[in-house]
Amino acid sequence: MRALDRDTIADFMAGVLAREESQAPPGYRRCTASPAGLPLEIFCNSDELMQSYTSRLSAEGLVPSEDRYRVYSLVWPGRAAEDIPVWVDERCSPKTFHRILAERGLRAAYPFRPNVWQFLDTRRRAGMQLVAAVTDLPPWDSGAPLRQHLHWILQSRNLRLVHASTLGANGVGVVFFGSSGAGKSGIALAGMAAGMQTVGDDYVAISAAETIRALPVFTIIKQDRTGLSHLPEMAASTAALPENWKGKVELDPRSLYPSAFVSELEIRAAVVPRITPIDTPRLNSCGHGETMRALMKSNLHQFPGETDDGMQFFGSLLRRLRVFSMELSRDFRRNAELVKGLIETL
């Protein structure tokens, strides 16, 4: 067993990346993706993980580029007989951990999770994910693979990985914020069934430059069977698909709605949805504070240990958007009509 502490962690990460970059074995699988339009090249020694990357990561707006990022995603037993390294410096706080690595141009997930190492060399534009086994990854990884690396890469380009869903028409749209179960996926599916577009559900990238834009990161929608039952054609087409760890079906809606995903939306409003038993949905004015609270419930602790928790970014974002709350009804069609009407006024 190799033990790592604050004195050896940076050398270990830099050394592993340098070795992979110089002599990556020819048996690695390779794919390219374009989350938020940024060129990404992935090398992997696991068929299971590679399937997740090729089926989940967005390729919208993919443009070949020499300035691409590379990520090596490796299952350790396929690499060497020795055990995966173990973090033993429990007295090293996350703040100290991040500071030490930043001095070497490295970003890494503090090792809260045993047998999982995730890090990125910002100067090399190269990242690494090492796991002892695929089952050591968190359960949400299959639906949002390489989320940690995408967070770092997007930040380097002044973008933010955000837990949210979107809907739009003619290039203009809204973003939905709220915790799991608030109805974000349901309204996204309803909108697509009604002819609207999206750049994603669950996670999207947001740029808050001169124009607020949302861009696609993943290409799947997650919805439970109850929600799918409101869309008979979708329920029928997904009947044979398995449910994930949260009892939701992970599906690519383009199988039914080929033009559902677009490469970007100009975001002009934020909506906080809430599932209710009413028959007719209602849209209400909403304070920025209420919207911020809904947003931070699912975005504040996405990357534990990092000093930047997004408060400044999200606060600035919401000040530039119209904000609403929406009481979702049991009628998916009416919900979609209400959102479509809102978008037409933006």
Protein backbone atom coordinates (compact mmCIF):
# COMPACT_ATOMS: atom_id res chain seq x y z
CA MET A 1 0.00 0.00 0.00
CA ARG A 2 1.29 3.45 -0.91
CA ALA A 3 0.45 6.07 1.72
CA LEU A 4 0.01 9.69 0.62
CA ASP A 5 0.17 12.82 2.77
CA ARG A 6 0.56 16.56 2.29
CA ASP A 7 4.26 16.17 1.45
CA THR A 8 3.81 13.54 -1.26
CA ILE A 9 0.39 14.20 -2.78
CA ALA A 10 1.45 16.75 -5.42
CA ASP A 11 4.38 14.64 -6.64
CA PHE A 12 2.12 11.60 -6.90
CA MET A 13 -0.48 13.42 -9.01
CA ALA A 14 2.05 15.10 -11.27
CA GLY A 15 3.96 11.84 -11.71
CA VAL A 16 0.91 9.77 -12.62
CA LEU A 17 -0.20 12.30 -15.22
CA ALA A 18 3.29 12.60 -16.71
CA ARG A 19 3.51 8.80 -17.05
CA GLU A 20 0.13 8.46 -18.71
CA GLU A 21 0.83 11.29 -21.12
CA SER A 22 4.13 9.79 -22.19
CA GLN A 23 3.24 6.09 -22.43
CA ALA A 24 -0.51 5.50 -22.43
CA PRO A 25 -0.92 1.79 -23.27
CA PRO A 26 -2.38 1.10 -26.75
CA GLY A 27 -5.26 -0.86 -25.20
CA TYR A 28 -6.95 2.26 -23.86
CA ARG A 29 -10.33 3.16 -25.33
CA ARG A 30 -10.61 6.72 -26.60
CA CYS A 31 -13.54 9.03 -27.25
CA THR A 32 -14.13 12.74 -27.78
CA ALA A 33 -16.89 14.90 -26.39
CA SER A 34 -17.82 18.57 -26.30
CA PRO A 35 -19.46 19.55 -23.00
CA ALA A 36 -20.54 23.19 -23.35
CA GLY A 37 -18.70 23.25 -26.68
CA LEU A 38 -15.29 22.67 -25.08
CA PRO A 39 -13.16 19.95 -26.76
CA LEU A 40 -12.52 16.98 -24.47
CA GLU A 41 -10.57 13.78 -25.15
CA ILE A 42 -11.08 10.81 -22.83
CA PHE A 43 -8.86 7.73 -22.43
CA CYS A 44 -10.26 4.82 -20.45
CA ASN A 45 -9.47 1.17 -19.63
CA SER A 46 -13.03 0.21 -18.65
CA ASP A 47 -15.75 -0.70 -21.14
CA GLU A 48 -18.42 0.16 -18.56
CA LEU A 49 -17.10 3.66 -17.97
CA MET A 50 -16.49 4.31 -21.65
CA GLN A 51 -20.10 3.41 -22.41
CA SER A 52 -21.19 5.99 -19.85
CA TYR A 53 -19.02 8.68 -21.46
CA THR A 54 -20.09 8.03 -25.04
CA SER A 55 -23.80 7.85 -24.19
CA ARG A 56 -24.00 10.66 -21.63
CA LEU A 57 -21.59 13.45 -22.56
CA SER A 58 -22.77 16.08 -24.99
CA ALA A 59 -21.19 16.39 -28.42
CA GLU A 60 -23.23 19.45 -29.40
CA GLY A 61 -21.03 21.92 -31.29
CA LEU A 62 -18.03 19.57 -31.31
CA VAL A 63 -15.12 21.26 -33.06
CA PRO A 64 -11.68 19.63 -33.47
CA SER A 65 -9.09 21.61 -31.55
CA GLU A 66 -5.45 21.33 -30.59
CA ASP A 67 -6.37 23.17 -27.39
CA ARG A 68 -8.41 20.29 -25.99
CA TYR A 69 -8.44 18.91 -22.46
CA ARG A 70 -7.56 15.27 -21.83
CA VAL A 71 -8.90 13.08 -19.04
CA TYR A 72 -7.60 9.60 -18.19
CA SER A 73 -10.22 7.50 -16.41
CA LEU A 74 -8.61 4.31 -15.11
CA VAL A 75 -9.65 1.37 -12.98
CA TRP A 76 -6.56 0.60 -10.91
CA PRO A 77 -6.64 -3.26 -11.00
CA GLY A 78 -6.17 -3.01 -14.73
CA ARG A 79 -3.01 -0.96 -14.25
CA ALA A 80 -0.85 -2.67 -11.63
CA ALA A 81 -0.79 -5.33 -8.95
CA GLU A 82 -0.21 -2.88 -6.11
CA ASP A 83 -3.15 -1.41 -4.19
CA ILE A 84 -4.48 2.01 -5.05
CA PRO A 85 -2.79 4.72 -2.91
CA VAL A 86 -4.36 5.65 0.42
CA TRP A 87 -4.66 9.11 1.97
CA VAL A 88 -3.31 9.01 5.53
CA ASP A 89 -2.97 12.71 6.42
CA GLU A 90 -6.30 13.20 8.19
CA ARG A 91 -5.01 16.32 9.93
CA CYS A 92 -4.54 18.09 6.60
CA SER A 93 -7.68 20.20 6.18
CA PRO A 94 -9.38 20.53 2.78
CA LYS A 95 -8.27 24.18 2.67
CA THR A 96 -4.61 23.21 3.18
CA PHE A 97 -4.95 20.33 0.72
CA HIS A 98 -6.22 22.64 -2.02
CA ARG A 99 -3.59 25.31 -1.29
CA ILE A 100 -0.70 22.85 -1.54
CA LEU A 101 -1.92 21.54 -4.88
CA ALA A 102 -2.72 24.99 -6.30
CA GLU A 103 0.95 25.92 -5.87
CA ARG A 104 1.75 23.18 -8.41
CA GLY A 105 -1.06 24.10 -10.81
CA LEU A 106 -3.19 21.17 -9.64
CA ARG A 107 -6.84 20.89 -8.67
CA ALA A 108 -8.17 17.81 -6.92
CA ALA A 109 -11.13 16.44 -5.04
CA TYR A 110 -10.24 16.14 -1.38
CA PRO A 111 -10.15 12.36 -0.70
CA PHE A 112 -13.43 12.08 1.18
CA ARG A 113 -14.24 8.91 -0.75
CA PRO A 114 -11.91 5.88 -0.34
CA ASN A 115 -10.35 4.36 -3.47
CA VAL A 116 -11.21 7.36 -5.65
CA TRP A 117 -8.69 9.94 -6.87
CA GLN A 118 -9.72 12.82 -9.13
CA PHE A 119 -7.35 15.60 -10.14
CA LEU A 120 -6.48 18.01 -12.95
CA ASP A 121 -3.23 19.69 -14.00
CA THR A 122 -4.44 23.10 -15.20
CA ARG A 123 -1.16 23.81 -17.01
CA ARG A 124 -1.08 20.54 -18.93
CA ARG A 125 -4.86 20.61 -19.48
CA ALA A 126 -4.83 16.98 -18.40
CA GLY A 127 -6.87 15.24 -15.73
CA MET A 128 -6.99 11.85 -14.04
CA GLN A 129 -9.63 9.70 -12.40
CA LEU A 130 -8.27 6.64 -10.59
CA VAL A 131 -10.57 4.15 -8.91
CA ALA A 132 -9.97 0.72 -7.41
CA ALA A 133 -13.25 -0.47 -8.99
CA VAL A 134 -16.14 1.12 -10.86
CA THR A 135 -18.35 0.41 -7.85
CA ASP A 136 -16.20 2.77 -5.75
CA LEU A 137 -17.54 5.74 -7.71
CA PRO A 138 -20.56 7.54 -6.20
CA PRO A 139 -23.94 6.24 -7.40
CA TRP A 140 -24.70 9.41 -9.36
CA ASP A 141 -21.58 9.03 -11.52
CA SER A 142 -23.29 6.96 -14.22
CA GLY A 143 -25.74 9.78 -14.90
CA ALA A 144 -23.23 12.63 -14.56
CA PRO A 145 -19.84 11.07 -15.44
CA LEU A 146 -16.66 13.08 -14.84
CA ARG A 147 -18.71 15.76 -13.11
CA GLN A 148 -15.79 16.88 -10.96
CA HIS A 149 -13.44 17.31 -13.93
CA LEU A 150 -16.09 19.11 -15.95
CA HIS A 151 -16.57 21.53 -13.05
CA TRP A 152 -12.86 22.44 -13.13
CA ILE A 153 -12.59 22.60 -16.91
CA LEU A 154 -15.68 24.77 -17.27
CA GLN A 155 -14.47 27.13 -14.53
CA SER A 156 -11.22 27.62 -16.47
CA ARG A 157 -13.32 28.99 -19.34
CA ASN A 158 -15.50 31.25 -17.16
CA LEU A 159 -18.41 28.81 -17.18
CA ARG A 160 -20.19 27.19 -14.25
CA LEU A 161 -21.56 23.66 -13.91
CA VAL A 162 -25.05 24.14 -12.47
CA HIS A 163 -27.65 21.72 -11.14
CA ALA A 164 -30.67 22.88 -13.11
CA SER A 165 -32.87 22.18 -16.14
CA THR A 166 -33.79 24.40 -19.08
CA LEU A 167 -36.46 25.04 -21.70
CA GLY A 168 -36.50 27.44 -24.60
CA ALA A 169 -37.82 28.38 -28.01
CA ASN A 170 -36.15 30.28 -30.86
CA GLY A 171 -32.90 30.51 -28.91
CA VAL A 172 -34.43 32.15 -25.79
CA GLY A 173 -35.19 30.26 -22.61
CA VAL A 174 -35.55 29.87 -18.88
CA VAL A 175 -33.60 27.94 -16.26
CA PHE A 176 -35.32 25.92 -13.52
CA PHE A 177 -33.71 25.74 -10.07
CA GLY A 178 -34.69 23.48 -7.21
CA SER A 179 -33.76 20.40 -5.24
CA SER A 180 -34.32 16.85 -6.45
CA GLY A 181 -38.05 16.12 -6.74
CA ALA A 182 -39.07 19.73 -7.35
CA GLY A 183 -40.29 18.93 -10.87
CA LYS A 184 -37.38 20.21 -12.99
CA SER A 185 -37.16 17.06 -15.12
CA GLY A 186 -40.89 16.73 -15.49
CA ILE A 187 -41.33 20.24 -16.84
CA ALA A 188 -38.36 19.75 -19.19
CA LEU A 189 -39.91 16.58 -20.65
CA ALA A 190 -43.31 18.22 -20.93
CA GLY A 191 -41.79 21.15 -22.76
CA MET A 192 -39.96 18.93 -25.24
CA ALA A 193 -43.16 16.99 -25.91
CA ALA A 194 -44.78 20.35 -26.70
CA GLY A 195 -42.05 21.28 -29.21
CA MET A 196 -39.69 23.30 -27.03
CA GLN A 197 -35.95 22.76 -26.77
CA THR A 198 -33.45 22.29 -23.96
CA VAL A 199 -29.72 22.27 -23.34
CA GLY A 200 -30.10 19.78 -20.54
CA ASP A 201 -31.71 18.48 -17.41
CA ASP A 202 -30.00 17.89 -14.09
CA TYR A 203 -26.76 19.66 -15.07
CA VAL A 204 -26.06 22.46 -17.54
CA ALA A 205 -23.22 24.91 -18.06
CA ILE A 206 -23.97 28.60 -17.60
CA SER A 207 -21.97 31.56 -18.82
CA ALA A 208 -22.76 34.89 -17.18
CA ALA A 209 -20.79 37.11 -19.56
CA GLU A 210 -22.52 39.95 -21.44
CA THR A 211 -25.33 37.57 -22.35
CA ILE A 212 -26.38 34.80 -19.96
CA ARG A 213 -26.14 31.55 -21.89
CA ALA A 214 -26.87 27.95 -20.97
CA LEU A 215 -25.00 25.18 -22.80
CA PRO A 216 -25.32 21.36 -22.81
CA VAL A 217 -23.09 19.10 -20.74
CA PHE A 218 -25.01 15.80 -20.63
CA THR A 219 -27.62 14.47 -23.04
CA ILE A 220 -29.97 12.55 -20.78
CA ILE A 221 -33.12 13.26 -18.82
CA LYS A 222 -33.88 11.52 -15.50
CA GLN A 223 -37.51 10.89 -14.63
CA ASP A 224 -39.41 8.47 -12.44
CA ARG A 225 -42.15 6.17 -13.76
CA THR A 226 -44.90 8.35 -12.31
CA GLY A 227 -43.66 11.36 -14.25
CA LEU A 228 -43.23 9.34 -17.43
CA SER A 229 -46.82 8.11 -17.16
CA HIS A 230 -47.99 11.65 -17.97
CA LEU A 231 -46.39 11.26 -21.42
CA PRO A 232 -47.73 7.99 -22.84
CA GLU A 233 -45.37 7.89 -25.83
CA MET A 234 -42.36 8.40 -23.54
CA ALA A 235 -43.60 5.83 -21.01
CA ALA A 236 -43.98 3.24 -23.75
CA SER A 237 -40.57 3.87 -25.27
CA THR A 238 -38.80 3.61 -21.89
CA ALA A 239 -40.71 0.66 -20.42
CA ALA A 240 -37.76 -1.71 -20.81
CA LEU A 241 -35.12 0.68 -19.44
CA PRO A 242 -33.75 0.06 -15.93
CA GLU A 243 -34.11 2.46 -13.02
CA ASN A 244 -31.09 4.12 -11.46
CA TRP A 245 -30.12 4.32 -7.79
CA LYS A 246 -32.84 6.95 -7.16
CA GLY A 247 -35.59 5.00 -8.90
CA LYS A 248 -35.43 7.15 -12.03
CA VAL A 249 -35.11 6.18 -15.67
CA GLU A 250 -32.17 7.75 -17.52
CA LEU A 251 -33.19 8.41 -21.11
CA ASP A 252 -32.11 10.29 -24.20
CA PRO A 253 -35.25 12.19 -25.28
CA ARG A 254 -33.92 12.67 -28.83
CA SER A 255 -35.19 9.18 -29.65
CA LEU A 256 -38.69 10.69 -29.65
CA TYR A 257 -37.91 14.38 -30.06
CA PRO A 258 -34.94 14.58 -32.49
CA SER A 259 -34.60 18.36 -32.25
CA ALA A 260 -35.00 18.49 -28.46
CA PHE A 261 -31.40 19.45 -27.71
CA VAL A 262 -29.83 22.67 -28.98
CA SER A 263 -26.28 23.95 -28.63
CA GLU A 264 -27.22 26.95 -26.45
CA LEU A 265 -30.04 29.08 -25.07
CA GLU A 266 -30.01 32.72 -24.05
CA ILE A 267 -31.40 32.65 -20.51
CA ARG A 268 -33.69 35.52 -19.56
CA ALA A 269 -35.56 34.18 -16.52
CA ALA A 270 -35.16 31.77 -13.61
CA VAL A 271 -38.09 29.67 -12.38
CA VAL A 272 -38.48 27.76 -9.11
CA PRO A 273 -40.95 24.90 -9.74
CA ARG A 274 -43.00 23.09 -7.11
CA ILE A 275 -45.18 20.01 -7.61
CA THR A 276 -48.75 20.54 -6.40
CA PRO A 277 -52.07 18.64 -6.69
CA ILE A 278 -53.80 21.51 -8.52
CA ASP A 279 -55.35 21.13 -12.00
CA THR A 280 -54.21 24.45 -13.46
CA PRO A 281 -50.57 25.56 -13.04
CA ARG A 282 -49.77 29.02 -11.72
CA LEU A 283 -46.84 31.35 -12.31
CA ASN A 284 -46.04 33.84 -9.57
CA SER A 285 -43.56 36.65 -9.03
CA CYS A 286 -40.69 35.52 -6.85
CA GLY A 287 -38.08 37.31 -4.79
CA HIS A 288 -34.40 36.91 -5.58
CA GLY A 289 -33.79 35.65 -2.06
CA GLU A 290 -36.31 32.84 -2.46
CA THR A 291 -34.76 31.87 -5.79
CA MET A 292 -31.27 31.91 -4.30
CA ARG A 293 -32.37 29.62 -1.47
CA ALA A 294 -33.88 27.14 -3.94
CA LEU A 295 -30.78 27.27 -6.11
CA MET A 296 -28.30 26.79 -3.30
CA LYS A 297 -30.09 23.75 -1.87
CA SER A 298 -28.81 21.74 -4.81
CA ASN A 299 -25.71 23.72 -5.81
CA LEU A 300 -23.97 24.79 -2.60
CA HIS A 301 -22.25 21.51 -1.65
CA GLN A 302 -21.70 19.94 -5.05
CA PHE A 303 -17.91 20.06 -4.63
CA PRO A 304 -17.14 19.76 -0.90
CA GLY A 305 -13.94 21.27 0.39
CA GLU A 306 -13.51 23.86 -2.36
CA THR A 307 -13.37 27.46 -1.22
CA ASP A 308 -15.47 28.80 -4.11
CA ASP A 309 -19.02 27.66 -3.35
CA GLY A 310 -20.61 29.76 -6.10
CA MET A 311 -22.39 32.31 -3.93
CA GLN A 312 -20.89 35.28 -5.76
CA PHE A 313 -21.54 33.77 -9.20
CA PHE A 314 -25.15 32.86 -8.50
CA GLY A 315 -25.91 36.13 -6.75
CA SER A 316 -24.68 38.09 -9.76
CA LEU A 317 -26.57 35.77 -12.11
CA LEU A 318 -29.95 36.18 -10.41
CA ARG A 319 -29.67 39.97 -10.25
CA ARG A 320 -29.74 39.96 -14.06
CA LEU A 321 -32.71 37.62 -14.50
CA ARG A 322 -36.45 37.89 -14.04
CA VAL A 323 -37.42 35.37 -11.38
CA PHE A 324 -40.63 33.40 -10.87
CA SER A 325 -42.06 30.54 -8.86
CA MET A 326 -44.28 28.01 -10.60
CA GLU A 327 -46.89 25.74 -9.09
CA LEU A 328 -46.90 22.70 -11.36
CA SER A 329 -50.22 20.97 -11.98
CA ARG A 330 -51.00 17.32 -12.59
CA ASP A 331 -51.50 18.18 -16.27
CA PHE A 332 -48.12 18.11 -18.04
CA ARG A 333 -49.61 19.70 -21.17
CA ARG A 334 -50.83 22.76 -19.24
CA ASN A 335 -47.50 23.10 -17.48
CA ALA A 336 -45.73 23.22 -20.85
CA GLU A 337 -48.20 25.76 -22.23
CA LEU A 338 -47.59 28.06 -19.25
CA VAL A 339 -43.81 27.93 -19.72
CA LYS A 340 -44.16 28.49 -23.47
CA GLY A 341 -46.29 31.54 -22.79
CA LEU A 342 -43.70 32.90 -20.36
CA ILE A 343 -40.89 32.46 -22.86
CA GLU A 344 -42.86 34.38 -25.49
CA THR A 345 -42.91 37.43 -23.16
CA LEU A 346 -39.17 37.46 -22.47
